[in-house]
Each structure stands twice: as C-alpha cells, then as structure tokens.
Amino acid sequence: MKKTICIALVFVLALASLAGCGAKKNLILGTWSYQQTTILNVVTERTYTFREDGTGSAPVLDGITNVEMTYTLAGDQLTINRGELLDTLTGAEVYTVKFGVNTMTLTAADGTVIELTKVE
C-alpha cells in the first residue's frame, strides 16, 4: 500500500512539474509594452509581441520601429534574436523573466530591468 501511494505521489508531482512548464510558455504569449525615455528626452512606447511558434516582434532604433524576432523561453531564461544582422552587431539578448498579473519583468545580465505590461 505504501509503495502504491509513493508511486502515485511521484507520478502526480511529475505531471504537475510538466504542466508548469507549459503554463509559463503560455504566459509570455501576446503583446507587451513599456515606456522609455530616449537620449533626446523623448518618451517612446516600445512593444514586444510573442507568438506561440517562437516568433514575434521587438523594438529597434530607440523604439521607432519593430523588427521580426525569434525567441526561446527555457525556465526563467528568455533569449531574443533579432535577425542575423542585428545579432552580429549587438548579440542575442538574454534576460531572466518573471511574470506577475499582466506584468512581465525582464532583467539583463548587466542589471538593466524592463517592466512590461500586457496589452493583449
């Protein structure tokens, strides 16, 4: 009896951990925005869009426009690639991500923090 309960408990815990991985991936889906002040002291709204297939769009040129990107979310690590040319110039962006209620916080290795709000 104890053996059966232990096996059932291990099975339930394994399923719960797998379900959590999918849930986190779904949390990122949609459009997220934040405001940033540029070098010229102009406030711009920047948006990120994350699609289910691992693609989306990300801001460039001080938020003037967006470009297509690919992303991966592994645990709490988000990696954004903005295409071969931009990745060659600046490298892929890697963030630690935390989710709140309609919020997402991205923290870069240098300590830069981006606080995003879910738009849709």
C-alpha atoms as a PDB file:
ATOM      1  CA  MET A   1       0.000   0.000   0.000  1.00  0.00           C
ATOM      2  CA  LYS A   2       2.767   2.457   0.928  1.00  0.00           C
ATOM      3  CA  LYS A   3       4.582   1.616  -2.300  1.00  0.00           C
ATOM      4  CA  THR A   4       1.463   2.364  -4.360  1.00  0.00           C
ATOM      5  CA  ILE A   5       0.955   5.700  -2.601  1.00  0.00           C
ATOM      6  CA  CYS A   6       4.610   6.663  -3.175  1.00  0.00           C
ATOM      7  CA  ILE A   7       4.406   5.790  -6.872  1.00  0.00           C
ATOM      8  CA  ALA A   8       1.154   7.739  -7.239  1.00  0.00           C
ATOM      9  CA  LEU A   9       2.682  10.747  -5.457  1.00  0.00           C
ATOM     10  CA  VAL A  10       5.768  10.709  -7.728  1.00  0.00           C
ATOM     11  CA  PHE A  11       3.505  10.481 -10.780  1.00  0.00           C
ATOM     12  CA  VAL A  12       1.365  13.436  -9.634  1.00  0.00           C
ATOM     13  CA  LEU A  13       4.445  15.562  -8.909  1.00  0.00           C
ATOM     14  CA  ALA A  14       5.914  14.747 -12.329  1.00  0.00           C
ATOM     15  CA  LEU A  15       2.695  15.755 -14.069  1.00  0.00           C
ATOM     16  CA  ALA A  16       2.471  18.972 -12.064  1.00  0.00           C
ATOM     17  CA  SER A  17       6.016  19.990 -12.996  1.00  0.00           C
ATOM     18  CA  LEU A  18       5.375  19.304 -16.686  1.00  0.00           C
ATOM     19  CA  ALA A  19       2.133  21.280 -16.580  1.00  0.00           C
ATOM     20  CA  GLY A  20       4.008  24.214 -15.032  1.00  0.00           C
ATOM     21  CA  CYS A  21       6.455  24.358 -17.965  1.00  0.00           C
ATOM     22  CA  GLY A  22       3.656  24.732 -20.492  1.00  0.00           C
ATOM     23  CA  ALA A  23       1.881  27.319 -18.377  1.00  0.00           C
ATOM     24  CA  LYS A  24       4.957  29.567 -18.220  1.00  0.00           C
ATOM     25  CA  LYS A  25       5.389  29.346 -22.007  1.00  0.00           C
ATOM     26  CA  ASN A  26       1.774  30.460 -22.448  1.00  0.00           C
ATOM     27  CA  LEU A  27       2.198  33.408 -20.059  1.00  0.00           C
ATOM     28  CA  ILE A  28       4.561  35.155 -22.476  1.00  0.00           C
ATOM     29  CA  LEU A  29       2.202  34.984 -25.460  1.00  0.00           C
ATOM     30  CA  GLY A  30       0.707  38.280 -26.636  1.00  0.00           C
ATOM     31  CA  THR A  31       1.754  41.914 -26.878  1.00  0.00           C
ATOM     32  CA  TRP A  32       3.633  43.662 -24.085  1.00  0.00           C
ATOM     33  CA  SER A  33       4.637  47.326 -23.816  1.00  0.00           C
ATOM     34  CA  TYR A  34       6.715  49.721 -21.737  1.00  0.00           C
ATOM     35  CA  GLN A  35       7.758  53.350 -21.959  1.00  0.00           C
ATOM     36  CA  GLN A  36      11.334  54.541 -22.184  1.00  0.00           C
ATOM     37  CA  THR A  37      12.922  57.959 -22.387  1.00  0.00           C
ATOM     38  CA  THR A  38      15.329  58.323 -25.322  1.00  0.00           C
ATOM     39  CA  ILE A  39      18.658  60.139 -25.422  1.00  0.00           C
ATOM     40  CA  LEU A  40      16.815  63.237 -26.691  1.00  0.00           C
ATOM     41  CA  ASN A  41      14.460  63.081 -23.669  1.00  0.00           C
ATOM     42  CA  VAL A  42      11.529  61.866 -25.769  1.00  0.00           C
ATOM     43  CA  VAL A  43       9.277  59.242 -24.186  1.00  0.00           C
ATOM     44  CA  THR A  44       8.545  56.366 -26.545  1.00  0.00           C
ATOM     45  CA  GLU A  45       6.333  53.344 -26.132  1.00  0.00           C
ATOM     46  CA  ARG A  46       8.054  50.105 -27.048  1.00  0.00           C
ATOM     47  CA  THR A  47       6.253  46.857 -27.691  1.00  0.00           C
ATOM     48  CA  TYR A  48       7.213  43.215 -27.828  1.00  0.00           C
ATOM     49  CA  THR A  49       4.944  40.602 -29.390  1.00  0.00           C
ATOM     50  CA  PHE A  50       5.431  36.915 -28.598  1.00  0.00           C
ATOM     51  CA  ARG A  51       3.681  34.300 -30.767  1.00  0.00           C
ATOM     52  CA  GLU A  52       3.144  30.646 -29.947  1.00  0.00           C
ATOM     53  CA  ASP A  53       5.515  29.477 -32.713  1.00  0.00           C
ATOM     54  CA  GLY A  54       8.569  31.171 -31.140  1.00  0.00           C
ATOM     55  CA  THR A  55       8.454  34.253 -33.368  1.00  0.00           C
ATOM     56  CA  GLY A  56       7.364  37.808 -32.705  1.00  0.00           C
ATOM     57  CA  SER A  57       8.482  41.402 -32.999  1.00  0.00           C
ATOM     58  CA  ALA A  58      10.802  43.565 -30.903  1.00  0.00           C
ATOM     59  CA  PRO A  59      11.677  47.280 -30.844  1.00  0.00           C
ATOM     60  CA  VAL A  60      14.790  48.718 -32.512  1.00  0.00           C
ATOM     61  CA  LEU A  61      16.169  52.181 -33.310  1.00  0.00           C
ATOM     62  CA  ASP A  62      15.223  53.656 -29.949  1.00  0.00           C
ATOM     63  CA  GLY A  63      11.669  52.324 -30.275  1.00  0.00           C
ATOM     64  CA  ILE A  64      10.980  53.974 -33.628  1.00  0.00           C
ATOM     65  CA  THR A  65      10.107  50.667 -35.268  1.00  0.00           C
ATOM     66  CA  ASN A  66       9.894  46.939 -34.598  1.00  0.00           C
ATOM     67  CA  VAL A  67      11.608  44.039 -36.357  1.00  0.00           C
ATOM     68  CA  GLU A  68      10.735  40.378 -36.546  1.00  0.00           C
ATOM     69  CA  MET A  69      12.448  38.199 -33.967  1.00  0.00           C
ATOM     70  CA  THR A  70      12.647  34.658 -32.693  1.00  0.00           C
ATOM     71  CA  TYR A  71      12.696  33.779 -29.026  1.00  0.00           C
ATOM     72  CA  THR A  72      13.142  30.861 -26.685  1.00  0.00           C
ATOM     73  CA  LEU A  73      11.924  30.594 -23.125  1.00  0.00           C
ATOM     74  CA  ALA A  74      13.691  27.916 -21.080  1.00  0.00           C
ATOM     75  CA  GLY A  75      12.770  28.027 -17.414  1.00  0.00           C
ATOM     76  CA  ASP A  76      13.185  31.664 -16.419  1.00  0.00           C
ATOM     77  CA  GLN A  77      15.665  32.474 -19.242  1.00  0.00           C
ATOM     78  CA  LEU A  78      14.352  34.392 -22.261  1.00  0.00           C
ATOM     79  CA  THR A  79      16.609  34.683 -25.325  1.00  0.00           C
ATOM     80  CA  ILE A  80      15.659  37.102 -28.113  1.00  0.00           C
ATOM     81  CA  ASN A  81      17.267  37.012 -31.570  1.00  0.00           C
ATOM     82  CA  ARG A  82      16.504  39.945 -33.875  1.00  0.00           C
ATOM     83  CA  GLY A  83      17.959  38.513 -37.043  1.00  0.00           C
ATOM     84  CA  GLU A  84      21.432  37.807 -38.328  1.00  0.00           C
ATOM     85  CA  LEU A  85      22.494  41.417 -38.961  1.00  0.00           C
ATOM     86  CA  LEU A  86      21.364  42.820 -35.601  1.00  0.00           C
ATOM     87  CA  ASP A  87      22.593  39.757 -33.697  1.00  0.00           C
ATOM     88  CA  THR A  88      26.005  40.188 -35.341  1.00  0.00           C
ATOM     89  CA  LEU A  89      26.146  43.819 -34.212  1.00  0.00           C
ATOM     90  CA  THR A  90      24.684  43.526 -30.721  1.00  0.00           C
ATOM     91  CA  GLY A  91      24.362  39.805 -29.972  1.00  0.00           C
ATOM     92  CA  ALA A  92      21.296  37.933 -28.812  1.00  0.00           C
ATOM     93  CA  GLU A  93      19.526  39.413 -25.799  1.00  0.00           C
ATOM     94  CA  VAL A  94      19.257  37.168 -22.753  1.00  0.00           C
ATOM     95  CA  TYR A  95      17.004  38.041 -19.839  1.00  0.00           C
ATOM     96  CA  THR A  96      15.783  36.487 -16.626  1.00  0.00           C
ATOM     97  CA  VAL A  97      11.995  36.734 -16.806  1.00  0.00           C
ATOM     98  CA  LYS A  98       9.428  36.968 -14.009  1.00  0.00           C
ATOM     99  CA  PHE A  99       5.676  37.100 -14.504  1.00  0.00           C
ATOM    100  CA  GLY A 100       3.096  38.930 -12.413  1.00  0.00           C
ATOM    101  CA  VAL A 101      -0.570  39.651 -13.026  1.00  0.00           C
ATOM    102  CA  ASN A 102      -0.490  41.219 -16.522  1.00  0.00           C
ATOM    103  CA  THR A 103       3.169  42.178 -15.991  1.00  0.00           C
ATOM    104  CA  MET A 104       6.491  40.758 -17.104  1.00  0.00           C
ATOM    105  CA  THR A 105       9.877  41.829 -15.748  1.00  0.00           C
ATOM    106  CA  LEU A 106      12.968  41.266 -17.877  1.00  0.00           C
ATOM    107  CA  THR A 107      16.347  41.546 -16.164  1.00  0.00           C
ATOM    108  CA  ALA A 108      19.519  41.589 -18.293  1.00  0.00           C
ATOM    109  CA  ALA A 109      22.893  40.301 -17.119  1.00  0.00           C
ATOM    110  CA  ASP A 110      24.097  43.902 -16.635  1.00  0.00           C
ATOM    111  CA  GLY A 111      21.202  44.561 -14.228  1.00  0.00           C
ATOM    112  CA  THR A 112      19.037  46.515 -16.675  1.00  0.00           C
ATOM    113  CA  VAL A 113      15.375  45.945 -15.835  1.00  0.00           C
ATOM    114  CA  ILE A 114      12.448  46.283 -18.264  1.00  0.00           C
ATOM    115  CA  GLU A 115       8.941  46.308 -16.731  1.00  0.00           C
ATOM    116  CA  LEU A 116       6.340  45.364 -19.345  1.00  0.00           C
ATOM    117  CA  THR A 117       2.546  45.442 -19.163  1.00  0.00           C
ATOM    118  CA  LYS A 118       0.361  43.073 -21.156  1.00  0.00           C
ATOM    119  CA  VAL A 119      -1.539  44.919 -23.892  1.00  0.00           C
ATOM    120  CA  GLU A 120      -3.356  41.976 -25.478  1.00  0.00           C
END
